[in-house]
């Protein structure tokens, strides 16, 4: 087999192992498939920063607090 036929075959087998291995394969391989998928998911999620929703009312709340402090 040449390199052009082996590469797609290896990629397809790897994707099948990662995606469906824990449902189809016996115990030691299913655990390895699950752990591989979990590690890849965590790695890809780590690439993107978590976005905290900003408080759209923060400026208004601060202005109200300052106004209340000024009245006392």
N, C-alpha and C. Protein backbone atom coordinates (compact mmCIF):
# COMPACT_ATOMS: atom_id res chain seq x y z
N UNK A 1 0.85 -1.19 0.00
CA UNK A 1 0.00 0.00 0.00
C UNK A 1 0.89 1.24 0.00
N UNK A 2 0.46 2.19 -0.77
CA UNK A 2 1.24 3.42 -0.81
C UNK A 2 0.70 4.43 0.21
N UNK A 3 1.40 5.51 0.32
CA UNK A 3 1.11 6.52 1.34
C UNK A 3 -0.26 7.18 1.11
N UNK A 4 -0.68 7.28 -0.14
CA UNK A 4 -1.95 7.96 -0.44
C UNK A 4 -3.15 7.15 0.02
N UNK A 5 -3.03 5.84 0.09
CA UNK A 5 -4.17 5.04 0.55
C UNK A 5 -4.12 4.77 2.05
N UNK A 6 -2.94 4.75 2.62
CA UNK A 6 -2.80 4.46 4.05
C UNK A 6 -3.24 5.65 4.90
N UNK A 7 -2.90 6.85 4.50
CA UNK A 7 -3.20 8.04 5.31
C UNK A 7 -4.70 8.22 5.55
N UNK A 8 -5.55 8.21 4.52
CA UNK A 8 -6.99 8.35 4.79
C UNK A 8 -7.54 7.19 5.62
N UNK A 9 -7.02 6.00 5.40
CA UNK A 9 -7.47 4.84 6.16
C UNK A 9 -7.14 5.00 7.65
N UNK A 10 -5.95 5.45 7.95
CA UNK A 10 -5.54 5.66 9.34
C UNK A 10 -6.38 6.77 9.98
N UNK A 11 -6.64 7.83 9.25
CA UNK A 11 -7.45 8.93 9.78
C UNK A 11 -8.87 8.47 10.07
N UNK A 12 -9.45 7.70 9.16
CA UNK A 12 -10.81 7.20 9.36
C UNK A 12 -10.87 6.26 10.56
N UNK A 13 -9.89 5.36 10.67
CA UNK A 13 -9.87 4.44 11.81
C UNK A 13 -9.67 5.18 13.13
N UNK A 14 -8.84 6.20 13.13
CA UNK A 14 -8.63 6.98 14.36
C UNK A 14 -9.91 7.71 14.76
N UNK A 15 -10.61 8.30 13.80
CA UNK A 15 -11.86 8.99 14.11
C UNK A 15 -12.93 8.02 14.62
N UNK A 16 -12.97 6.83 14.02
CA UNK A 16 -13.93 5.82 14.48
C UNK A 16 -13.57 5.34 15.89
N UNK A 17 -12.28 5.17 16.17
CA UNK A 17 -11.85 4.75 17.51
C UNK A 17 -12.22 5.80 18.55
N UNK A 18 -11.98 7.05 18.22
CA UNK A 18 -12.27 8.13 19.17
C UNK A 18 -13.77 8.32 19.33
N UNK A 19 -14.50 8.27 18.22
CA UNK A 19 -15.93 8.57 18.28
C UNK A 19 -16.80 7.45 18.81
N UNK A 20 -16.52 6.21 18.42
CA UNK A 20 -17.44 5.11 18.74
C UNK A 20 -16.78 3.96 19.48
N UNK A 21 -15.50 4.06 19.78
CA UNK A 21 -14.78 2.94 20.38
C UNK A 21 -15.30 2.50 21.72
N UNK A 22 -15.76 3.43 22.54
CA UNK A 22 -16.23 3.04 23.87
C UNK A 22 -17.55 2.29 23.82
N UNK A 23 -18.29 2.38 22.74
CA UNK A 23 -19.56 1.68 22.60
C UNK A 23 -19.40 0.31 21.96
N UNK A 24 -18.34 0.13 21.16
CA UNK A 24 -18.21 -1.07 20.34
C UNK A 24 -17.11 -2.00 20.83
N UNK A 25 -16.00 -1.46 21.24
CA UNK A 25 -14.83 -2.26 21.56
C UNK A 25 -14.93 -2.87 22.96
N UNK A 26 -14.16 -3.94 23.22
CA UNK A 26 -14.14 -4.53 24.57
C UNK A 26 -13.50 -3.61 25.60
N UNK A 27 -13.58 -3.99 26.84
CA UNK A 27 -13.27 -3.13 27.98
C UNK A 27 -11.93 -2.37 27.93
N UNK A 28 -10.77 -2.96 27.77
CA UNK A 28 -9.56 -2.12 27.85
C UNK A 28 -9.50 -1.08 26.73
N UNK A 29 -9.95 -1.45 25.53
CA UNK A 29 -9.92 -0.50 24.42
C UNK A 29 -11.02 0.55 24.54
N UNK A 30 -12.17 0.17 25.09
CA UNK A 30 -13.26 1.15 25.24
C UNK A 30 -12.86 2.23 26.23
N UNK A 31 -12.17 1.85 27.28
CA UNK A 31 -11.70 2.84 28.26
C UNK A 31 -10.68 3.78 27.62
N UNK A 32 -9.78 3.22 26.82
CA UNK A 32 -8.78 4.05 26.14
C UNK A 32 -9.45 5.02 25.17
N UNK A 33 -10.47 4.55 24.47
CA UNK A 33 -11.20 5.42 23.54
C UNK A 33 -11.89 6.55 24.28
N UNK A 34 -12.54 6.23 25.38
CA UNK A 34 -13.23 7.24 26.18
C UNK A 34 -12.25 8.28 26.73
N UNK A 35 -11.13 7.79 27.26
CA UNK A 35 -10.13 8.71 27.81
C UNK A 35 -9.52 9.59 26.73
N UNK A 36 -9.30 9.04 25.53
CA UNK A 36 -8.76 9.83 24.43
C UNK A 36 -9.74 10.92 24.02
N UNK A 37 -11.02 10.55 23.90
CA UNK A 37 -12.03 11.55 23.51
C UNK A 37 -12.15 12.64 24.57
N UNK A 38 -12.12 12.26 25.83
CA UNK A 38 -12.22 13.25 26.92
C UNK A 38 -11.03 14.20 26.90
N UNK A 39 -9.84 13.65 26.70
CA UNK A 39 -8.63 14.49 26.66
C UNK A 39 -8.67 15.45 25.47
N UNK A 40 -9.11 14.96 24.32
CA UNK A 40 -9.20 15.84 23.14
C UNK A 40 -10.25 16.93 23.35
N UNK A 41 -11.38 16.57 23.92
CA UNK A 41 -12.41 17.58 24.19
C UNK A 41 -11.89 18.67 25.12
N UNK A 42 -11.22 18.25 26.18
CA UNK A 42 -10.68 19.24 27.13
C UNK A 42 -9.61 20.10 26.48
N UNK A 43 -8.81 19.51 25.61
CA UNK A 43 -7.77 20.28 24.92
C UNK A 43 -8.38 21.33 24.01
N UNK A 44 -9.38 20.91 23.23
CA UNK A 44 -10.01 21.86 22.32
C UNK A 44 -10.78 22.94 23.05
N UNK A 45 -11.42 22.58 24.17
CA UNK A 45 -12.13 23.59 24.95
C UNK A 45 -11.15 24.56 25.60
N UNK A 46 -9.95 24.10 25.91
CA UNK A 46 -8.95 24.96 26.51
C UNK A 46 -8.39 25.99 25.54
N UNK A 47 -8.59 25.77 24.24
CA UNK A 47 -8.11 26.73 23.25
C UNK A 47 -8.93 28.01 23.24
N UNK A 48 -10.19 27.89 23.64
CA UNK A 48 -11.08 29.04 23.61
C UNK A 48 -11.30 29.57 25.01
N UNK A 49 -11.09 30.85 25.22
CA UNK A 49 -11.29 31.41 26.57
C UNK A 49 -12.78 31.44 26.92
N UNK A 50 -13.04 31.28 28.21
CA UNK A 50 -14.43 31.36 28.65
C UNK A 50 -14.82 32.83 28.72
N UNK A 51 -15.95 33.13 28.17
CA UNK A 51 -16.41 34.51 28.15
C UNK A 51 -17.41 34.71 29.28
N UNK A 52 -17.07 35.61 30.17
CA UNK A 52 -17.97 35.92 31.26
C UNK A 52 -18.97 36.96 30.77
N UNK A 53 -20.25 36.73 31.02
CA UNK A 53 -21.23 37.73 30.59
C UNK A 53 -21.04 39.01 31.39
N UNK A 54 -21.02 40.11 30.68
CA UNK A 54 -20.82 41.35 31.40
C UNK A 54 -22.16 41.86 31.93
N UNK A 55 -22.09 42.58 33.02
CA UNK A 55 -23.27 43.12 33.66
C UNK A 55 -23.63 44.42 32.96
N UNK A 56 -24.70 44.40 32.19
CA UNK A 56 -25.08 45.59 31.42
C UNK A 56 -25.62 46.70 32.33
N UNK A 57 -25.99 46.35 33.55
CA UNK A 57 -26.55 47.34 34.46
C UNK A 57 -25.51 47.87 35.46
N UNK A 58 -24.26 47.48 35.30
CA UNK A 58 -23.21 47.84 36.26
C UNK A 58 -23.07 49.36 36.39
N UNK A 59 -23.02 50.05 35.27
CA UNK A 59 -22.85 51.50 35.31
C UNK A 59 -24.04 52.17 36.00
N UNK A 60 -25.24 51.69 35.73
CA UNK A 60 -26.43 52.25 36.35
C UNK A 60 -26.44 51.99 37.86
N UNK A 61 -26.06 50.75 38.24
CA UNK A 61 -26.03 50.42 39.66
C UNK A 61 -25.01 51.29 40.41
N UNK A 62 -23.87 51.54 39.82
CA UNK A 62 -22.86 52.39 40.45
C UNK A 62 -23.36 53.81 40.59
N UNK A 63 -24.05 54.31 39.56
CA UNK A 63 -24.57 55.67 39.62
C UNK A 63 -25.64 55.79 40.71
N UNK A 64 -26.46 54.76 40.87
CA UNK A 64 -27.49 54.78 41.91
C UNK A 64 -26.84 54.74 43.29
N UNK A 65 -25.81 53.90 43.46
CA UNK A 65 -25.12 53.83 44.74
C UNK A 65 -24.47 55.16 45.10
N UNK A 66 -23.85 55.81 44.13
CA UNK A 66 -23.22 57.10 44.39
C UNK A 66 -24.28 58.15 44.72
N UNK A 67 -25.41 58.09 44.05
CA UNK A 67 -26.48 59.04 44.33
C UNK A 67 -27.04 58.84 45.72
N UNK A 68 -27.17 57.58 46.15
CA UNK A 68 -27.68 57.29 47.49
C UNK A 68 -26.68 57.73 48.56
N UNK A 69 -25.40 57.56 48.30
CA UNK A 69 -24.37 57.99 49.24
C UNK A 69 -24.37 59.53 49.36
N UNK A 70 -24.62 60.20 48.25
CA UNK A 70 -24.63 61.67 48.27
C UNK A 70 -25.82 62.24 49.03
N UNK A 71 -26.90 61.52 49.11
CA UNK A 71 -28.11 62.00 49.79
C UNK A 71 -28.03 61.81 51.29
N UNK A 72 -27.18 60.90 51.76
CA UNK A 72 -27.12 60.61 53.20
C UNK A 72 -26.36 61.63 53.94
